[in-house]
């Protein structure tokens, strides 16, 4: 039992919680930035799709709407 406690103590002594916290914070920041970029791209795609539908003859819009699910 004492050896078990000793090995656990050594493990936690070597475990660098502050380093792990910094790495997790950096990862969280990267993920948040990617999420923001994704949301902005999605909004831009929606706006450009609306603009495309406004400025394109109806025949082409109908044809493209038929083809789009296959491209996605």
PDB file of N, CA and C in Angstrom:
ATOM      1  N   UNK A   1       0.820  -1.198   0.000  1.00  0.00           N
ATOM      2  CA  UNK A   1       0.000   0.000   0.000  1.00  0.00           C
ATOM      3  C   UNK A   1       0.860   1.258   0.000  1.00  0.00           C
ATOM      4  N   UNK A   2       1.950   1.249   0.777  1.00  0.00           N
ATOM      5  CA  UNK A   2       2.831   2.410   0.834  1.00  0.00           C
ATOM      6  C   UNK A   2       3.490   2.656  -0.520  1.00  0.00           C
ATOM      7  N   UNK A   3       3.818   1.568  -1.223  1.00  0.00           N
ATOM      8  CA  UNK A   3       4.419   1.711  -2.545  1.00  0.00           C
ATOM      9  C   UNK A   3       3.412   2.327  -3.516  1.00  0.00           C
ATOM     10  N   UNK A   4       2.163   1.936  -3.364  1.00  0.00           N
ATOM     11  CA  UNK A   4       1.103   2.481  -4.206  1.00  0.00           C
ATOM     12  C   UNK A   4       0.949   3.982  -3.980  1.00  0.00           C
ATOM     13  N   UNK A   5       0.943   4.396  -2.736  1.00  0.00           N
ATOM     14  CA  UNK A   5       0.828   5.815  -2.393  1.00  0.00           C
ATOM     15  C   UNK A   5       2.049   6.564  -2.897  1.00  0.00           C
ATOM     16  N   UNK A   6       3.222   5.950  -2.736  1.00  0.00           N
ATOM     17  CA  UNK A   6       4.461   6.582  -3.204  1.00  0.00           C
ATOM     18  C   UNK A   6       4.465   6.778  -4.712  1.00  0.00           C
ATOM     19  N   UNK A   7       4.007   5.774  -5.449  1.00  0.00           N
ATOM     20  CA  UNK A   7       3.986   5.902  -6.907  1.00  0.00           C
ATOM     21  C   UNK A   7       2.951   6.946  -7.341  1.00  0.00           C
ATOM     22  N   UNK A   8       1.824   7.006  -6.647  1.00  0.00           N
ATOM     23  CA  UNK A   8       0.823   8.027  -6.962  1.00  0.00           C
ATOM     24  C   UNK A   8       1.381   9.421  -6.694  1.00  0.00           C
ATOM     25  N   UNK A   9       2.101   9.552  -5.597  1.00  0.00           N
ATOM     26  CA  UNK A   9       2.713  10.842  -5.263  1.00  0.00           C
ATOM     27  C   UNK A   9       3.705  11.249  -6.348  1.00  0.00           C
ATOM     28  N   UNK A  10       4.531  10.313  -6.803  1.00  0.00           N
ATOM     29  CA  UNK A  10       5.505  10.613  -7.849  1.00  0.00           C
ATOM     30  C   UNK A  10       4.815  11.016  -9.159  1.00  0.00           C
ATOM     31  N   UNK A  11       3.727  10.316  -9.463  1.00  0.00           N
ATOM     32  CA  UNK A  11       2.983  10.651 -10.679  1.00  0.00           C
ATOM     33  C   UNK A  11       2.472  12.089 -10.618  1.00  0.00           C
ATOM     34  N   UNK A  12       1.831  12.458  -9.529  1.00  0.00           N
ATOM     35  CA  UNK A  12       1.276  13.800  -9.404  1.00  0.00           C
ATOM     36  C   UNK A  12       2.361  14.852  -9.272  1.00  0.00           C
ATOM     37  N   UNK A  13       3.507  14.476  -8.756  1.00  0.00           N
ATOM     38  CA  UNK A  13       4.626  15.402  -8.647  1.00  0.00           C
ATOM     39  C   UNK A  13       5.148  15.754 -10.043  1.00  0.00           C
ATOM     40  N   UNK A  14       5.165  14.762 -10.918  1.00  0.00           N
ATOM     41  CA  UNK A  14       5.646  14.977 -12.287  1.00  0.00           C
ATOM     42  C   UNK A  14       4.576  15.616 -13.174  1.00  0.00           C
ATOM     43  N   UNK A  15       3.337  15.474 -12.803  1.00  0.00           N
ATOM     44  CA  UNK A  15       2.224  15.971 -13.602  1.00  0.00           C
ATOM     45  C   UNK A  15       2.222  17.488 -13.545  1.00  0.00           C
ATOM     46  N   UNK A  16       2.385  18.120 -14.686  1.00  0.00           N
ATOM     47  CA  UNK A  16       2.476  19.579 -14.755  1.00  0.00           C
ATOM     48  C   UNK A  16       1.096  20.155 -15.119  1.00  0.00           C
ATOM     49  N   UNK A  17       0.311  20.419 -14.104  1.00  0.00           N
ATOM     50  CA  UNK A  17      -1.047  20.898 -14.309  1.00  0.00           C
ATOM     51  C   UNK A  17      -1.081  22.266 -14.995  1.00  0.00           C
ATOM     52  N   UNK A  18      -0.135  23.124 -14.663  1.00  0.00           N
ATOM     53  CA  UNK A  18      -0.107  24.453 -15.269  1.00  0.00           C
ATOM     54  C   UNK A  18       0.176  24.370 -16.771  1.00  0.00           C
ATOM     55  N   UNK A  19       1.079  23.467 -17.160  1.00  0.00           N
ATOM     56  CA  UNK A  19       1.370  23.279 -18.580  1.00  0.00           C
ATOM     57  C   UNK A  19       0.135  22.745 -19.308  1.00  0.00           C
ATOM     58  N   UNK A  20      -0.514  21.779 -18.703  1.00  0.00           N
ATOM     59  CA  UNK A  20      -1.726  21.231 -19.301  1.00  0.00           C
ATOM     60  C   UNK A  20      -2.797  22.308 -19.454  1.00  0.00           C
ATOM     61  N   UNK A  21      -2.940  23.144 -18.462  1.00  0.00           N
ATOM     62  CA  UNK A  21      -3.926  24.218 -18.519  1.00  0.00           C
ATOM     63  C   UNK A  21      -3.598  25.201 -19.641  1.00  0.00           C
ATOM     64  N   UNK A  22      -2.337  25.546 -19.817  1.00  0.00           N
ATOM     65  CA  UNK A  22      -1.934  26.448 -20.902  1.00  0.00           C
ATOM     66  C   UNK A  22      -2.225  25.818 -22.263  1.00  0.00           C
ATOM     67  N   UNK A  23      -1.918  24.517 -22.388  1.00  0.00           N
ATOM     68  CA  UNK A  23      -2.178  23.828 -23.657  1.00  0.00           C
ATOM     69  C   UNK A  23      -3.676  23.778 -23.957  1.00  0.00           C
ATOM     70  N   UNK A  24      -4.480  23.489 -22.944  1.00  0.00           N
ATOM     71  CA  UNK A  24      -5.926  23.450 -23.137  1.00  0.00           C
ATOM     72  C   UNK A  24      -6.486  24.831 -23.476  1.00  0.00           C
ATOM     73  N   UNK A  25      -5.963  25.865 -22.839  1.00  0.00           N
ATOM     74  CA  UNK A  25      -6.400  27.232 -23.145  1.00  0.00           C
ATOM     75  C   UNK A  25      -6.069  27.588 -24.595  1.00  0.00           C
ATOM     76  N   UNK A  26      -4.881  27.215 -25.044  1.00  0.00           N
ATOM     77  CA  UNK A  26      -4.475  27.494 -26.424  1.00  0.00           C
ATOM     78  C   UNK A  26      -5.374  26.738 -27.400  1.00  0.00           C
ATOM     79  N   UNK A  27      -5.658  25.484 -27.088  1.00  0.00           N
ATOM     80  CA  UNK A  27      -6.530  24.685 -27.947  1.00  0.00           C
ATOM     81  C   UNK A  27      -7.935  25.272 -27.984  1.00  0.00           C
ATOM     82  N   UNK A  28      -8.441  25.701 -26.846  1.00  0.00           N
ATOM     83  CA  UNK A  28      -9.772  26.305 -26.785  1.00  0.00           C
ATOM     84  C   UNK A  28      -9.832  27.583 -27.614  1.00  0.00           C
ATOM     85  N   UNK A  29      -8.781  28.366 -27.581  1.00  0.00           N
ATOM     86  CA  UNK A  29      -8.722  29.598 -28.369  1.00  0.00           C
ATOM     87  C   UNK A  29      -8.759  29.284 -29.863  1.00  0.00           C
ATOM     88  N   UNK A  30      -7.972  28.288 -30.277  1.00  0.00           N
ATOM     89  CA  UNK A  30      -7.957  27.893 -31.685  1.00  0.00           C
ATOM     90  C   UNK A  30      -9.338  27.410 -32.115  1.00  0.00           C
ATOM     91  N   UNK A  31      -9.974  26.588 -31.301  1.00  0.00           N
ATOM     92  CA  UNK A  31     -11.306  26.080 -31.630  1.00  0.00           C
ATOM     93  C   UNK A  31     -12.331  27.202 -31.714  1.00  0.00           C
ATOM     94  N   UNK A  32     -12.264  28.145 -30.808  1.00  0.00           N
ATOM     95  CA  UNK A  32     -13.203  29.275 -30.826  1.00  0.00           C
ATOM     96  C   UNK A  32     -13.004  30.115 -32.093  1.00  0.00           C
ATOM     97  N   UNK A  33     -11.745  30.328 -32.480  1.00  0.00           N
ATOM     98  CA  UNK A  33     -11.469  31.084 -33.707  1.00  0.00           C
ATOM     99  C   UNK A  33     -12.000  30.350 -34.926  1.00  0.00           C
ATOM    100  N   UNK A  34     -11.794  29.044 -34.964  1.00  0.00           N
ATOM    101  CA  UNK A  34     -12.306  28.262 -36.097  1.00  0.00           C
ATOM    102  C   UNK A  34     -13.827  28.301 -36.160  1.00  0.00           C
ATOM    103  N   UNK A  35     -14.457  28.251 -35.012  1.00  0.00           N
ATOM    104  CA  UNK A  35     -15.913  28.312 -34.974  1.00  0.00           C
ATOM    105  C   UNK A  35     -16.406  29.661 -35.484  1.00  0.00           C
ATOM    106  N   UNK A  36     -15.734  30.735 -35.084  1.00  0.00           N
ATOM    107  CA  UNK A  36     -16.101  32.072 -35.570  1.00  0.00           C
ATOM    108  C   UNK A  36     -15.922  32.169 -37.086  1.00  0.00           C
ATOM    109  N   UNK A  37     -14.793  31.651 -37.580  1.00  0.00           N
ATOM    110  CA  UNK A  37     -14.539  31.677 -39.024  1.00  0.00           C
ATOM    111  C   UNK A  37     -15.589  30.864 -39.776  1.00  0.00           C
ATOM    112  N   UNK A  38     -15.958  29.731 -39.216  1.00  0.00           N
ATOM    113  CA  UNK A  38     -16.959  28.880 -39.849  1.00  0.00           C
ATOM    114  C   UNK A  38     -18.311  29.593 -39.916  1.00  0.00           C
ATOM    115  N   UNK A  39     -18.671  30.254 -38.839  1.00  0.00           N
ATOM    116  CA  UNK A  39     -19.944  30.983 -38.803  1.00  0.00           C
ATOM    117  C   UNK A  39     -19.940  32.129 -39.814  1.00  0.00           C
ATOM    118  N   UNK A  40     -18.825  32.842 -39.907  1.00  0.00           N
ATOM    119  CA  UNK A  40     -18.725  33.937 -40.872  1.00  0.00           C
ATOM    120  C   UNK A  40     -18.798  33.406 -42.303  1.00  0.00           C
ATOM    121  N   UNK A  41     -18.133  32.284 -42.563  1.00  0.00           N
ATOM    122  CA  UNK A  41     -18.173  31.688 -43.897  1.00  0.00           C
ATOM    123  C   UNK A  41     -19.583  31.237 -44.252  1.00  0.00           C
ATOM    124  N   UNK A  42     -20.270  30.669 -43.289  1.00  0.00           N
ATOM    125  CA  UNK A  42     -21.645  30.215 -43.511  1.00  0.00           C
ATOM    126  C   UNK A  42     -22.543  31.402 -43.849  1.00  0.00           C
ATOM    127  N   UNK A  43     -22.407  32.497 -43.106  1.00  0.00           N
ATOM    128  CA  UNK A  43     -23.214  33.692 -43.367  1.00  0.00           C
ATOM    129  C   UNK A  43     -22.889  34.275 -44.740  1.00  0.00           C
ATOM    130  N   UNK A  44     -21.592  34.291 -45.088  1.00  0.00           N
ATOM    131  CA  UNK A  44     -21.190  34.809 -46.392  1.00  0.00           C
ATOM    132  C   UNK A  44     -21.771  33.941 -47.513  1.00  0.00           C
ATOM    133  N   UNK A  45     -21.748  32.624 -47.335  1.00  0.00           N
ATOM    134  CA  UNK A  45     -22.324  31.725 -48.332  1.00  0.00           C
ATOM    135  C   UNK A  45     -23.818  31.970 -48.511  1.00  0.00           C
ATOM    136  N   UNK A  46     -24.509  32.168 -47.415  1.00  0.00           N
ATOM    137  CA  UNK A  46     -25.950  32.455 -47.485  1.00  0.00           C
ATOM    138  C   UNK A  46     -26.187  33.762 -48.242  1.00  0.00           C
ATOM    139  N   UNK A  47     -25.423  34.790 -47.915  1.00  0.00           N
ATOM    140  CA  UNK A  47     -25.581  36.082 -48.596  1.00  0.00           C
ATOM    141  C   UNK A  47     -25.267  35.970 -50.082  1.00  0.00           C
ATOM    142  N   UNK A  48     -24.192  35.290 -50.411  1.00  0.00           N
ATOM    143  CA  UNK A  48     -23.821  35.142 -51.818  1.00  0.00           C
ATOM    144  C   UNK A  48     -24.837  34.293 -52.576  1.00  0.00           C
ATOM    145  N   UNK A  49     -25.408  33.304 -51.919  1.00  0.00           N
ATOM    146  CA  UNK A  49     -26.450  32.494 -52.562  1.00  0.00           C
ATOM    147  C   UNK A  49     -27.677  33.337 -52.859  1.00  0.00           C
ATOM    148  N   UNK A  50     -28.061  34.180 -51.919  1.00  0.00           N
ATOM    149  CA  UNK A  50     -29.207  35.077 -52.137  1.00  0.00           C
ATOM    150  C   UNK A  50     -28.929  36.036 -53.293  1.00  0.00           C
ATOM    151  N   UNK A  51     -27.728  36.591 -53.287  1.00  0.00           N
ATOM    152  CA  UNK A  51     -27.347  37.533 -54.339  1.00  0.00           C
ATOM    153  C   UNK A  51     -27.328  36.833 -55.702  1.00  0.00           C
ATOM    154  N   UNK A  52     -26.829  35.619 -55.723  1.00  0.00           N
ATOM    155  CA  UNK A  52     -26.793  34.846 -56.961  1.00  0.00           C
ATOM    156  C   UNK A  52     -28.202  34.605 -57.487  1.00  0.00           C
ATOM    157  N   UNK A  53     -29.103  34.232 -56.594  1.00  0.00           N
ATOM    158  CA  UNK A  53     -30.488  33.968 -57.013  1.00  0.00           C
ATOM    159  C   UNK A  53     -31.158  35.233 -57.549  1.00  0.00           C
ATOM    160  N   UNK A  54     -30.818  36.389 -56.978  1.00  0.00           N
ATOM    161  CA  UNK A  54     -31.395  37.651 -57.444  1.00  0.00           C
ATOM    162  C   UNK A  54     -30.897  38.010 -58.842  1.00  0.00           C
ATOM    163  N   UNK A  55     -29.623  37.757 -59.106  1.00  0.00           N
ATOM    164  CA  UNK A  55     -28.983  38.230 -60.329  1.00  0.00           C
ATOM    165  C   UNK A  55     -28.890  37.176 -61.429  1.00  0.00           C
ATOM    166  N   UNK A  56     -29.502  36.028 -61.244  1.00  0.00           N
ATOM    167  CA  UNK A  56     -29.410  34.952 -62.226  1.00  0.00           C
ATOM    168  C   UNK A  56     -30.797  34.648 -62.769  1.00  0.00           C
ATOM    169  N   UNK A  57     -30.884  34.422 -64.094  1.00  0.00           N
ATOM    170  CA  UNK A  57     -32.192  34.073 -64.662  1.00  0.00           C
ATOM    171  C   UNK A  57     -32.782  32.836 -63.975  1.00  0.00           C
ATOM    172  N   UNK A  58     -34.095  32.804 -63.886  1.00  0.00           N
ATOM    173  CA  UNK A  58     -34.820  31.746 -63.163  1.00  0.00           C
ATOM    174  C   UNK A  58     -34.487  30.349 -63.696  1.00  0.00           C
ATOM    175  N   UNK A  59     -34.297  30.217 -64.988  1.00  0.00           N
ATOM    176  CA  UNK A  59     -34.006  28.902 -65.584  1.00  0.00           C
ATOM    177  C   UNK A  59     -32.727  28.326 -64.997  1.00  0.00           C
ATOM    178  N   UNK A  60     -31.698  29.144 -64.869  1.00  0.00           N
ATOM    179  CA  UNK A  60     -30.415  28.661 -64.344  1.00  0.00           C
ATOM    180  C   UNK A  60     -30.510  28.356 -62.851  1.00  0.00           C
ATOM    181  N   UNK A  61     -31.265  29.136 -62.118  1.00  0.00           N
ATOM    182  CA  UNK A  61     -31.435  28.888 -60.685  1.00  0.00           C
ATOM    183  C   UNK A  61     -32.081  27.526 -60.465  1.00  0.00           C
ATOM    184  N   UNK A  62     -33.122  27.229 -61.233  1.00  0.00           N
ATOM    185  CA  UNK A  62     -33.817  25.942 -61.099  1.00  0.00           C
ATOM    186  C   UNK A  62     -32.873  24.799 -61.445  1.00  0.00           C
ATOM    187  N   UNK A  63     -32.106  24.945 -62.515  1.00  0.00           N
ATOM    188  CA  UNK A  63     -31.158  23.901 -62.916  1.00  0.00           C
ATOM    189  C   UNK A  63     -30.082  23.685 -61.851  1.00  0.00           C
ATOM    190  N   UNK A  64     -29.567  24.759 -61.315  1.00  0.00           N
ATOM    191  CA  UNK A  64     -28.515  24.640 -60.300  1.00  0.00           C
ATOM    192  C   UNK A  64     -29.050  24.066 -58.996  1.00  0.00           C
ATOM    193  N   UNK A  65     -30.273  24.444 -58.623  1.00  0.00           N
ATOM    194  CA  UNK A  65     -30.854  23.881 -57.405  1.00  0.00           C
ATOM    195  C   UNK A  65     -31.015  22.369 -57.525  1.00  0.00           C
ATOM    196  N   UNK A  66     -31.273  21.907 -58.734  1.00  0.00           N
ATOM    197  CA  UNK A  66     -31.389  20.470 -58.974  1.00  0.00           C
ATOM    198  C   UNK A  66     -30.024  19.794 -58.829  1.00  0.00           C
ATOM    199  N   UNK A  67     -28.960  20.459 -59.280  1.00  0.00           N
ATOM    200  CA  UNK A  67     -27.612  19.880 -59.255  1.00  0.00           C
ATOM    201  C   UNK A  67     -26.909  20.021 -57.901  1.00  0.00           C
ATOM    202  N   UNK A  68     -27.229  21.033 -57.128  1.00  0.00           N
ATOM    203  CA  UNK A  68     -26.497  21.347 -55.907  1.00  0.00           C
ATOM    204  C   UNK A  68     -26.422  20.202 -54.898  1.00  0.00           C
ATOM    205  N   UNK A  69     -27.486  19.471 -54.618  1.00  0.00           N
ATOM    206  CA  UNK A  69     -27.361  18.394 -53.626  1.00  0.00           C
ATOM    207  C   UNK A  69     -26.295  17.363 -54.005  1.00  0.00           C
ATOM    208  N   UNK A  70     -26.098  17.133 -55.279  1.00  0.00           N
ATOM    209  CA  UNK A  70     -25.066  16.189 -55.716  1.00  0.00           C
ATOM    210  C   UNK A  70     -23.661  16.735 -55.499  1.00  0.00           C
ATOM    211  N   UNK A  71     -23.514  18.040 -55.498  1.00  0.00           N
ATOM    212  CA  UNK A  71     -22.192  18.661 -55.296  1.00  0.00           C
ATOM    213  C   UNK A  71     -21.830  18.781 -53.814  1.00  0.00           C
ATOM    214  N   UNK A  72     -22.825  18.787 -52.988  1.00  0.00           N
ATOM    215  CA  UNK A  72     -22.556  18.950 -51.555  1.00  0.00           C
ATOM    216  C   UNK A  72     -22.190  17.630 -51.014  1.00  0.00           C
TER     217      UNK A  72
END
